[in-house]
C-alpha cells in the first residue's frame, strides 16, 4: 500500500517523480499553484502548454476540460513530469465529481507513465473558491479509492501551501 503524507510547503521543491498542477482549462498559467509551477519550470513549460492547447483547439476541443488532466515535462523543476489537472470553480453547488476526477485521472496517468511518487496541491481551493473542507475530503477519499488501481504508486504527498489546508488534511490522514 502506498505511503500517504501531508506537508506544508512549496510543491515545486518536493522530492517526487511527478507533481500535479492546479491548472486552468486553457493551460495558460495563472496565479497560485499554477503560477508558482510555471515560474519555477521556466518558459519552456509555457511553450509546451501553448503547443498542447493549440493542438487540442485545432482538433475542435478545449485544451483541458474541467476534471481532466494532461502531462508535460518538468523543465527547471527537479521532478520528471507535471500533470496539469483542471479543477472545478465553486459556484455554491457540489462539484465533487469533477474534483475527484482530477485526483483519479492524475493517479492513473502517473501509474501509466511509470511514476512511483506523486505530489498533489489543494486543487480548486484558491481562486476557484472550493470550500477547503469539502475539497480535502474529496481528495483523500478519491486517492484512497483509486490506489488499488495504481499498484506502482508507492508514495503520495498532499502539499498544502497554507496552514488551514494542512490542518484539514492532517485530521483526515492522521
N, C-alpha and C. Protein backbone atom coordinates (compact mmCIF):
# COMPACT_ATOMS: atom_id res chain seq x y z
N UNK A 1 0.84 -1.19 0.00
CA UNK A 1 0.00 0.00 0.00
C UNK A 1 0.88 1.24 0.00
N UNK A 2 0.45 2.24 -0.72
CA UNK A 2 1.21 3.47 -0.84
C UNK A 2 1.26 4.24 0.48
N UNK A 3 2.35 4.91 0.67
CA UNK A 3 2.52 5.80 1.82
C UNK A 3 1.88 7.14 1.45
N UNK A 4 1.01 7.67 2.31
CA UNK A 4 0.37 8.96 2.07
C UNK A 4 0.86 9.94 3.12
N UNK A 5 1.37 11.08 2.66
CA UNK A 5 1.93 12.09 3.55
C UNK A 5 1.21 13.42 3.35
N UNK A 6 1.29 14.26 4.36
CA UNK A 6 0.80 15.63 4.28
C UNK A 6 1.92 16.54 4.74
N UNK A 7 2.24 17.53 3.92
CA UNK A 7 3.26 18.51 4.31
C UNK A 7 2.74 19.90 4.00
N UNK A 8 3.33 20.88 4.64
CA UNK A 8 3.04 22.27 4.30
C UNK A 8 4.29 22.81 3.63
N UNK A 9 4.13 23.39 2.44
CA UNK A 9 5.30 23.90 1.75
C UNK A 9 5.05 24.22 0.29
N UNK A 10 6.13 24.19 -0.47
CA UNK A 10 6.16 24.56 -1.88
C UNK A 10 6.21 23.29 -2.72
N UNK A 11 5.19 23.04 -3.51
CA UNK A 11 5.10 21.81 -4.30
C UNK A 11 6.26 21.68 -5.29
N UNK A 12 6.83 22.79 -5.72
CA UNK A 12 7.92 22.72 -6.70
C UNK A 12 9.22 22.21 -6.08
N UNK A 13 9.28 22.13 -4.77
CA UNK A 13 10.50 21.69 -4.08
C UNK A 13 10.40 20.29 -3.49
N UNK A 14 9.27 19.61 -3.70
CA UNK A 14 9.06 18.28 -3.12
C UNK A 14 9.78 17.24 -3.97
N UNK A 15 10.43 16.30 -3.31
CA UNK A 15 11.19 15.25 -3.99
C UNK A 15 10.28 14.09 -4.36
N UNK A 16 9.66 14.19 -5.55
CA UNK A 16 8.77 13.15 -6.08
C UNK A 16 9.02 13.04 -7.59
N UNK A 17 8.48 11.99 -8.19
CA UNK A 17 8.62 11.80 -9.64
C UNK A 17 7.79 12.80 -10.44
N UNK A 18 6.58 13.07 -9.98
CA UNK A 18 5.67 13.93 -10.73
C UNK A 18 4.88 14.80 -9.76
N UNK A 19 4.67 16.05 -10.16
CA UNK A 19 3.81 16.94 -9.37
C UNK A 19 2.55 17.24 -10.17
N UNK A 20 1.49 17.54 -9.46
CA UNK A 20 0.23 17.90 -10.09
C UNK A 20 0.06 19.41 -9.97
N UNK A 21 -0.32 20.02 -11.08
CA UNK A 21 -0.57 21.45 -11.13
C UNK A 21 -2.07 21.70 -11.11
N UNK A 22 -2.51 22.64 -10.31
CA UNK A 22 -3.91 23.09 -10.32
C UNK A 22 -4.04 24.08 -11.47
N UNK A 23 -4.29 23.56 -12.66
CA UNK A 23 -4.25 24.34 -13.90
C UNK A 23 -5.59 24.95 -14.25
N UNK A 24 -5.57 25.85 -15.22
CA UNK A 24 -6.80 26.36 -15.82
C UNK A 24 -7.02 25.63 -17.13
N UNK A 25 -8.23 25.68 -17.65
CA UNK A 25 -8.59 24.88 -18.83
C UNK A 25 -7.84 25.29 -20.09
N UNK A 26 -7.29 26.49 -20.12
CA UNK A 26 -6.52 26.92 -21.27
C UNK A 26 -5.05 26.57 -21.18
N UNK A 27 -4.65 25.98 -20.04
CA UNK A 27 -3.24 25.63 -19.77
C UNK A 27 -2.33 26.84 -19.91
N UNK A 28 -2.85 28.01 -19.57
CA UNK A 28 -2.15 29.26 -19.84
C UNK A 28 -1.34 29.81 -18.67
N UNK A 29 -1.20 29.06 -17.61
CA UNK A 29 -0.54 29.62 -16.43
C UNK A 29 -1.50 30.56 -15.74
N UNK A 30 -1.16 30.97 -14.57
CA UNK A 30 -2.05 31.85 -13.83
C UNK A 30 -1.46 32.20 -12.49
N UNK A 31 -2.30 32.30 -11.49
CA UNK A 31 -1.84 32.63 -10.15
C UNK A 31 -1.74 31.40 -9.29
N UNK A 32 -1.52 31.59 -8.02
CA UNK A 32 -1.46 30.49 -7.06
C UNK A 32 -0.47 29.40 -7.43
N UNK A 33 -0.88 28.15 -7.24
CA UNK A 33 -0.03 27.00 -7.53
C UNK A 33 0.39 27.00 -9.00
N UNK A 34 -0.57 27.26 -9.88
CA UNK A 34 -0.30 27.27 -11.32
C UNK A 34 0.82 28.26 -11.65
N UNK A 35 0.72 29.46 -11.14
CA UNK A 35 1.74 30.47 -11.40
C UNK A 35 3.09 30.08 -10.82
N UNK A 36 3.08 29.53 -9.60
CA UNK A 36 4.34 29.11 -8.97
C UNK A 36 5.02 28.02 -9.78
N UNK A 37 4.24 27.05 -10.26
CA UNK A 37 4.82 25.96 -11.06
C UNK A 37 5.36 26.49 -12.38
N UNK A 38 4.61 27.34 -13.04
CA UNK A 38 5.08 27.91 -14.31
C UNK A 38 6.35 28.74 -14.11
N UNK A 39 6.40 29.53 -13.05
CA UNK A 39 7.61 30.33 -12.79
C UNK A 39 8.80 29.43 -12.51
N UNK A 40 8.60 28.40 -11.70
CA UNK A 40 9.71 27.50 -11.35
C UNK A 40 10.19 26.68 -12.55
N UNK A 41 9.25 26.24 -13.38
CA UNK A 41 9.61 25.40 -14.54
C UNK A 41 10.27 26.21 -15.64
N UNK A 42 9.92 27.47 -15.76
CA UNK A 42 10.52 28.33 -16.77
C UNK A 42 9.71 28.41 -18.05
N UNK A 43 10.21 29.18 -19.00
CA UNK A 43 9.45 29.47 -20.24
C UNK A 43 9.16 28.25 -21.11
N UNK A 44 9.94 27.20 -20.99
CA UNK A 44 9.66 26.00 -21.80
C UNK A 44 8.33 25.37 -21.43
N UNK A 45 7.90 25.50 -20.18
CA UNK A 45 6.60 24.96 -19.78
C UNK A 45 5.49 25.75 -20.45
N UNK A 46 5.61 27.07 -20.46
CA UNK A 46 4.60 27.88 -21.15
C UNK A 46 4.51 27.46 -22.62
N UNK A 47 5.66 27.25 -23.25
CA UNK A 47 5.68 26.88 -24.66
C UNK A 47 5.03 25.52 -24.89
N UNK A 48 5.32 24.54 -24.03
CA UNK A 48 4.72 23.21 -24.20
C UNK A 48 3.22 23.26 -23.96
N UNK A 49 2.78 23.99 -22.95
CA UNK A 49 1.35 24.12 -22.69
C UNK A 49 0.64 24.82 -23.86
N UNK A 50 1.27 25.85 -24.42
CA UNK A 50 0.68 26.56 -25.57
C UNK A 50 0.58 25.62 -26.77
N UNK A 51 1.57 24.77 -26.99
CA UNK A 51 1.55 23.82 -28.10
C UNK A 51 0.40 22.83 -27.92
N UNK A 52 0.27 22.27 -26.69
CA UNK A 52 -0.81 21.32 -26.40
C UNK A 52 -2.17 21.99 -26.59
N UNK A 53 -2.32 23.21 -26.08
CA UNK A 53 -3.59 23.94 -26.20
C UNK A 53 -3.93 24.18 -27.67
N UNK A 54 -2.95 24.58 -28.45
CA UNK A 54 -3.19 24.85 -29.87
C UNK A 54 -3.60 23.58 -30.61
N UNK A 55 -2.95 22.46 -30.31
CA UNK A 55 -3.29 21.18 -30.96
C UNK A 55 -4.72 20.76 -30.62
N UNK A 56 -5.09 20.91 -29.37
CA UNK A 56 -6.43 20.49 -28.96
C UNK A 56 -7.50 21.42 -29.54
N UNK A 57 -7.21 22.71 -29.61
CA UNK A 57 -8.16 23.65 -30.22
C UNK A 57 -8.31 23.36 -31.70
N UNK A 58 -7.22 23.07 -32.36
CA UNK A 58 -7.25 22.76 -33.80
C UNK A 58 -8.10 21.52 -34.06
N UNK A 59 -8.06 20.57 -33.12
CA UNK A 59 -8.86 19.35 -33.25
C UNK A 59 -10.31 19.58 -32.83
N UNK A 60 -10.64 20.81 -32.45
CA UNK A 60 -12.01 21.15 -32.12
C UNK A 60 -12.38 21.00 -30.66
N UNK A 61 -11.37 20.81 -29.81
CA UNK A 61 -11.67 20.63 -28.39
C UNK A 61 -11.12 21.74 -27.52
N UNK A 62 -11.43 21.63 -26.27
CA UNK A 62 -10.90 22.54 -25.25
C UNK A 62 -9.52 22.02 -24.87
N UNK A 63 -8.56 22.89 -24.59
CA UNK A 63 -7.22 22.39 -24.23
C UNK A 63 -7.24 21.36 -23.10
N UNK A 64 -7.98 21.64 -22.04
CA UNK A 64 -8.09 20.66 -20.95
C UNK A 64 -9.39 20.95 -20.18
N UNK A 65 -10.44 20.19 -20.45
CA UNK A 65 -11.72 20.44 -19.80
C UNK A 65 -11.66 20.22 -18.28
N UNK A 66 -12.58 20.82 -17.57
CA UNK A 66 -12.67 20.64 -16.12
C UNK A 66 -12.79 19.16 -15.79
N UNK A 67 -11.98 18.73 -14.83
CA UNK A 67 -11.97 17.33 -14.41
C UNK A 67 -10.99 16.47 -15.17
N UNK A 68 -10.31 17.06 -16.16
CA UNK A 68 -9.38 16.29 -16.98
C UNK A 68 -7.93 16.68 -16.66
N UNK A 69 -6.99 15.92 -17.24
CA UNK A 69 -5.56 16.12 -16.99
C UNK A 69 -4.77 15.99 -18.28
N UNK A 70 -3.62 16.65 -18.32
CA UNK A 70 -2.62 16.46 -19.37
C UNK A 70 -1.25 16.48 -18.70
N UNK A 71 -0.28 15.86 -19.35
CA UNK A 71 1.07 15.83 -18.78
C UNK A 71 2.06 16.56 -19.67
N UNK A 72 3.01 17.23 -19.02
CA UNK A 72 4.10 17.91 -19.72
C UNK A 72 5.41 17.52 -19.04
N UNK A 73 6.49 18.00 -19.63
CA UNK A 73 7.79 17.88 -18.98
C UNK A 73 7.84 18.79 -17.76
N UNK A 74 8.91 18.65 -16.99
CA UNK A 74 9.05 19.45 -15.77
C UNK A 74 10.04 20.60 -15.94
N UNK A 75 10.88 20.52 -16.94
CA UNK A 75 11.83 21.57 -17.28
C UNK A 75 12.74 21.92 -16.11
N UNK A 76 12.64 23.10 -15.52
CA UNK A 76 13.55 23.51 -14.44
C UNK A 76 13.17 23.01 -13.05
N UNK A 77 12.12 22.22 -12.95
CA UNK A 77 11.75 21.62 -11.67
C UNK A 77 12.36 20.23 -11.63
N UNK A 78 12.84 19.81 -10.48
CA UNK A 78 13.63 18.58 -10.41
C UNK A 78 12.85 17.27 -10.53
N UNK A 79 11.52 17.33 -10.64
CA UNK A 79 10.75 16.11 -10.85
C UNK A 79 10.83 15.70 -12.33
N UNK A 80 10.19 14.59 -12.67
CA UNK A 80 10.25 14.06 -14.04
C UNK A 80 9.11 14.55 -14.93
N UNK A 81 8.04 15.04 -14.33
CA UNK A 81 6.91 15.50 -15.13
C UNK A 81 5.94 16.31 -14.30
N UNK A 82 5.03 16.97 -15.02
CA UNK A 82 3.98 17.75 -14.39
C UNK A 82 2.65 17.31 -14.99
N UNK A 83 1.72 16.95 -14.13
CA UNK A 83 0.36 16.63 -14.56
C UNK A 83 -0.50 17.85 -14.26
N UNK A 84 -1.11 18.39 -15.30
CA UNK A 84 -1.95 19.58 -15.16
C UNK A 84 -3.40 19.11 -15.02
N UNK A 85 -4.01 19.39 -13.87
CA UNK A 85 -5.38 18.97 -13.58
C UNK A 85 -6.26 20.21 -13.45
N UNK A 86 -7.36 20.22 -14.16
CA UNK A 86 -8.26 21.38 -14.13
C UNK A 86 -9.42 21.09 -13.19
N UNK A 87 -9.37 21.73 -12.05
CA UNK A 87 -10.43 21.56 -11.06
C UNK A 87 -11.61 22.46 -11.34
N UNK A 88 -12.74 22.19 -10.69
CA UNK A 88 -13.94 22.99 -10.90
C UNK A 88 -13.90 24.31 -10.13
N UNK A 89 -14.58 25.28 -10.70
CA UNK A 89 -14.80 26.55 -10.00
C UNK A 89 -16.05 26.36 -9.13
N UNK A 90 -15.97 26.80 -7.88
CA UNK A 90 -17.09 26.66 -6.96
C UNK A 90 -18.11 27.77 -7.21
N UNK A 91 -19.33 27.38 -7.48
CA UNK A 91 -20.42 28.34 -7.65
C UNK A 91 -21.50 28.11 -6.61
N UNK A 92 -21.16 27.46 -5.51
CA UNK A 92 -22.13 27.20 -4.47
C UNK A 92 -22.84 25.88 -4.64
N UNK A 93 -22.42 25.09 -5.60
CA UNK A 93 -23.04 23.78 -5.79
C UNK A 93 -21.96 22.70 -5.80
N UNK A 94 -22.37 21.51 -5.54
CA UNK A 94 -21.46 20.37 -5.40
C UNK A 94 -20.82 20.01 -6.73
N UNK A 95 -19.52 20.04 -6.77
CA UNK A 95 -18.76 19.65 -7.95
C UNK A 95 -17.75 18.57 -7.58
N UNK A 96 -18.04 17.80 -6.51
CA UNK A 96 -17.09 16.81 -6.03
C UNK A 96 -16.72 15.79 -7.10
N UNK A 97 -17.62 15.46 -8.00
CA UNK A 97 -17.31 14.51 -9.06
C UNK A 97 -16.22 15.01 -9.98
N UNK A 98 -16.29 16.28 -10.35
CA UNK A 98 -15.25 16.86 -11.20
C UNK A 98 -13.93 16.99 -10.45
N UNK A 99 -14.00 17.36 -9.18
CA UNK A 99 -12.78 17.47 -8.39
C UNK A 99 -12.15 16.09 -8.20
N UNK A 100 -12.97 15.11 -7.88
CA UNK A 100 -12.47 13.74 -7.73
C UNK A 100 -11.81 13.26 -9.01
N UNK A 101 -12.37 13.62 -10.15
CA UNK A 101 -11.81 13.22 -11.44
C UNK A 101 -10.37 13.71 -11.60
N UNK A 102 -10.08 14.89 -11.11
CA UNK A 102 -8.71 15.42 -11.18
C UNK A 102 -7.72 14.51 -10.45
N UNK A 103 -8.09 14.10 -9.25
CA UNK A 103 -7.20 13.24 -8.46
C UNK A 103 -7.11 11.84 -9.06
N UNK A 104 -8.24 11.29 -9.45
CA UNK A 104 -8.26 9.95 -10.04
C UNK A 104 -7.46 9.88 -11.33
N UNK A 105 -7.74 10.80 -12.24
CA UNK A 105 -7.05 10.79 -13.53
C UNK A 105 -5.56 11.08 -13.38
N UNK A 106 -5.20 11.92 -12.42
CA UNK A 106 -3.78 12.19 -12.17
C UNK A 106 -3.06 10.92 -11.71
N UNK A 107 -3.67 10.21 -10.77
CA UNK A 107 -3.05 8.96 -10.29
C UNK A 107 -2.93 7.93 -11.41
N UNK A 108 -3.99 7.77 -12.19
CA UNK A 108 -3.97 6.79 -13.27
C UNK A 108 -2.93 7.16 -14.33
N UNK A 109 -2.80 8.44 -14.65
CA UNK A 109 -1.80 8.88 -15.61
C UNK A 109 -0.39 8.66 -15.07
N UNK A 110 -0.18 8.96 -13.80
CA UNK A 110 1.13 8.72 -13.18
C UNK A 110 1.48 7.24 -13.21
N UNK A 111 0.51 6.40 -12.92
CA UNK A 111 0.70 4.95 -12.95
C UNK A 111 1.10 4.50 -14.36
N UNK A 112 0.35 4.95 -15.38
CA UNK A 112 0.65 4.58 -16.78
C UNK A 112 2.04 5.04 -17.21
N UNK A 113 2.46 6.19 -16.69
CA UNK A 113 3.77 6.74 -17.06
C UNK A 113 4.92 6.08 -16.29
N UNK A 114 4.60 5.23 -15.32
CA UNK A 114 5.63 4.53 -14.57
C UNK A 114 6.19 5.30 -13.38
N UNK A 115 5.53 6.36 -12.98
CA UNK A 115 5.99 7.12 -11.82
C UNK A 115 5.60 6.39 -10.54
N UNK A 116 6.44 6.50 -9.52
CA UNK A 116 6.14 5.83 -8.25
C UNK A 116 5.80 6.80 -7.12
N UNK A 117 6.03 8.10 -7.36
CA UNK A 117 5.69 9.08 -6.33
C UNK A 117 5.06 10.30 -6.98
N UNK A 118 4.07 10.87 -6.29
CA UNK A 118 3.29 11.99 -6.84
C UNK A 118 2.94 12.97 -5.73
N UNK A 119 2.96 14.25 -6.05
CA UNK A 119 2.58 15.29 -5.10
C UNK A 119 1.39 16.06 -5.64
N UNK A 120 0.39 16.24 -4.79
CA UNK A 120 -0.82 16.97 -5.14
C UNK A 120 -0.89 18.29 -4.39
N UNK A 121 -1.34 19.36 -5.06
CA UNK A 121 -1.69 20.59 -4.34
C UNK A 121 -3.14 20.47 -3.88
N UNK A 122 -3.66 21.51 -3.31
CA UNK A 122 -5.06 21.56 -2.90
C UNK A 122 -5.86 22.14 -4.06
N UNK A 123 -6.24 21.28 -4.99
CA UNK A 123 -6.88 21.69 -6.24
C UNK A 123 -8.21 22.41 -5.97
N UNK A 124 -8.38 23.54 -6.63
CA UNK A 124 -9.60 24.36 -6.65
C UNK A 124 -9.87 25.17 -5.38
N UNK A 125 -8.99 25.11 -4.38
CA UNK A 125 -9.28 25.80 -3.12
C UNK A 125 -8.77 27.24 -3.07
N UNK A 126 -8.06 27.68 -4.09
CA UNK A 126 -7.58 29.05 -4.13
C UNK A 126 -8.61 29.95 -4.79
N UNK A 127 -8.22 30.55 -5.92
CA UNK A 127 -9.12 31.48 -6.61
C UNK A 127 -10.39 30.81 -7.13
N UNK A 128 -10.39 29.48 -7.27
CA UNK A 128 -11.59 28.79 -7.73
C UNK A 128 -12.63 28.64 -6.62
N UNK A 129 -12.25 28.96 -5.37
CA UNK A 129 -13.20 29.11 -4.28
C UNK A 129 -13.84 27.86 -3.71
N UNK A 130 -13.33 26.69 -4.03
CA UNK A 130 -13.93 25.47 -3.49
C UNK A 130 -13.74 25.43 -1.98
N UNK A 131 -14.75 25.10 -1.22
CA UNK A 131 -14.58 25.03 0.24
C UNK A 131 -13.47 24.03 0.60
N UNK A 132 -12.53 24.48 1.40
CA UNK A 132 -11.35 23.67 1.69
C UNK A 132 -11.69 22.35 2.36
N UNK A 133 -12.66 22.35 3.26
CA UNK A 133 -13.01 21.09 3.94
C UNK A 133 -13.62 20.08 2.97
N UNK A 134 -14.48 20.54 2.06
CA UNK A 134 -15.07 19.65 1.05
C UNK A 134 -14.02 19.14 0.08
N UNK A 135 -13.12 20.02 -0.33
CA UNK A 135 -12.07 19.64 -1.27
C UNK A 135 -11.12 18.62 -0.65
N UNK A 136 -10.75 18.82 0.59
CA UNK A 136 -9.84 17.89 1.26
C UNK A 136 -10.50 16.51 1.39
N UNK A 137 -11.75 16.49 1.80
CA UNK A 137 -12.46 15.22 1.95
C UNK A 137 -12.56 14.48 0.61
N UNK A 138 -12.89 15.21 -0.45
CA UNK A 138 -12.99 14.59 -1.78
C UNK A 138 -11.64 14.07 -2.25
N UNK A 139 -10.58 14.83 -2.01
CA UNK A 139 -9.24 14.43 -2.44
C UNK A 139 -8.79 13.15 -1.74
N UNK A 140 -8.91 13.12 -0.43
CA UNK A 140 -8.46 11.95 0.34
C UNK A 140 -9.29 10.72 -0.02
N UNK A 141 -10.59 10.88 -0.10
CA UNK A 141 -11.47 9.76 -0.44
C UNK A 141 -11.13 9.20 -1.83
N UNK A 142 -10.96 10.08 -2.79
CA UNK A 142 -10.67 9.65 -4.16
C UNK A 142 -9.32 8.96 -4.27
N UNK A 143 -8.32 9.53 -3.63
CA UNK A 143 -6.99 8.90 -3.69
C UNK A 143 -7.03 7.51 -3.07
N UNK A 144 -7.66 7.38 -1.92
CA UNK A 144 -7.75 6.05 -1.28
C UNK A 144 -8.52 5.06 -2.14
N UNK A 145 -9.59 5.51 -2.78
CA UNK A 145 -10.38 4.62 -3.63
C UNK A 145 -9.65 4.23 -4.92
N UNK A 146 -8.78 5.11 -5.41
CA UNK A 146 -8.08 4.87 -6.68
C UNK A 146 -6.80 4.06 -6.50
N UNK A 147 -6.22 4.09 -5.33
CA UNK A 147 -4.94 3.41 -5.10
C UNK A 147 -4.90 1.94 -5.51
N UNK A 148 -5.94 1.14 -5.29
CA UNK A 148 -5.87 -0.26 -5.72
C UNK A 148 -5.64 -0.42 -7.23
N UNK A 149 -6.00 0.59 -8.02
CA UNK A 149 -5.78 0.55 -9.46
C UNK A 149 -4.38 1.03 -9.85
N UNK A 150 -3.62 1.45 -8.86
CA UNK A 150 -2.30 2.03 -9.12
C UNK A 150 -1.23 1.35 -8.26
N UNK A 151 -0.99 0.06 -8.49
CA UNK A 151 -0.05 -0.66 -7.63
C UNK A 151 1.39 -0.16 -7.71
N UNK A 152 1.72 0.57 -8.77
CA UNK A 152 3.08 1.09 -8.91
C UNK A 152 3.33 2.36 -8.12
N UNK A 153 2.27 3.01 -7.67
CA UNK A 153 2.43 4.25 -6.90
C UNK A 153 2.74 3.88 -5.46
N UNK A 154 3.91 4.29 -4.99
CA UNK A 154 4.33 3.95 -3.64
C UNK A 154 4.27 5.09 -2.65
N UNK A 155 4.18 6.32 -3.18
CA UNK A 155 4.20 7.48 -2.27
C UNK A 155 3.34 8.60 -2.85
N UNK A 156 2.45 9.11 -2.01
CA UNK A 156 1.59 10.23 -2.37
C UNK A 156 1.79 11.32 -1.33
N UNK A 157 2.01 12.54 -1.80
CA UNK A 157 2.21 13.67 -0.89
C UNK A 157 1.17 14.74 -1.19
N UNK A 158 0.38 15.09 -0.19
CA UNK A 158 -0.50 16.24 -0.30
C UNK A 158 0.30 17.44 0.21
N UNK A 159 0.55 18.39 -0.68
CA UNK A 159 1.36 19.55 -0.34
C UNK A 159 0.43 20.74 -0.14
N UNK A 160 0.35 21.19 1.10
CA UNK A 160 -0.55 22.29 1.46
C UNK A 160 0.25 23.57 1.57
N UNK A 161 -0.17 24.59 0.85
CA UNK A 161 0.52 25.86 0.90
C UNK A 161 0.19 26.61 2.19
N UNK A 162 -1.05 26.48 2.65
CA UNK A 162 -1.46 27.22 3.84
C UNK A 162 -1.75 26.29 5.02
N UNK A 163 -1.74 26.86 6.20
CA UNK A 163 -1.94 26.09 7.43
C UNK A 163 -3.35 25.51 7.52
N UNK A 164 -4.35 26.24 7.05
CA UNK A 164 -5.73 25.76 7.13
C UNK A 164 -5.88 24.43 6.37
N UNK A 165 -5.38 24.36 5.13
CA UNK A 165 -5.44 23.11 4.38
C UNK A 165 -4.63 22.02 5.06
N UNK A 166 -3.46 22.37 5.54
CA UNK A 166 -2.61 21.39 6.22
C UNK A 166 -3.35 20.75 7.40
N UNK A 167 -3.97 21.58 8.22
CA UNK A 167 -4.70 21.07 9.38
C UNK A 167 -5.87 20.17 8.96
N UNK A 168 -6.58 20.54 7.89
CA UNK A 168 -7.69 19.72 7.40
C UNK A 168 -7.20 18.35 6.94
N UNK A 169 -6.11 18.31 6.18
CA UNK A 169 -5.58 17.04 5.70
C UNK A 169 -5.02 16.20 6.83
N UNK A 170 -4.40 16.83 7.81
CA UNK A 170 -3.85 16.07 8.95
C UNK A 170 -4.97 15.39 9.73
N UNK A 171 -6.13 16.02 9.83
CA UNK A 171 -7.27 15.40 10.51
C UNK A 171 -7.78 14.20 9.72
N UNK A 172 -7.74 14.29 8.39
CA UNK A 172 -8.23 13.21 7.54
C UNK A 172 -7.21 12.09 7.39
N UNK A 173 -5.94 12.40 7.56
CA UNK A 173 -4.85 11.43 7.40
C UNK A 173 -3.94 11.49 8.63
N UNK A 174 -4.41 10.98 9.76
CA UNK A 174 -3.59 11.10 10.98
C UNK A 174 -2.27 10.33 10.87
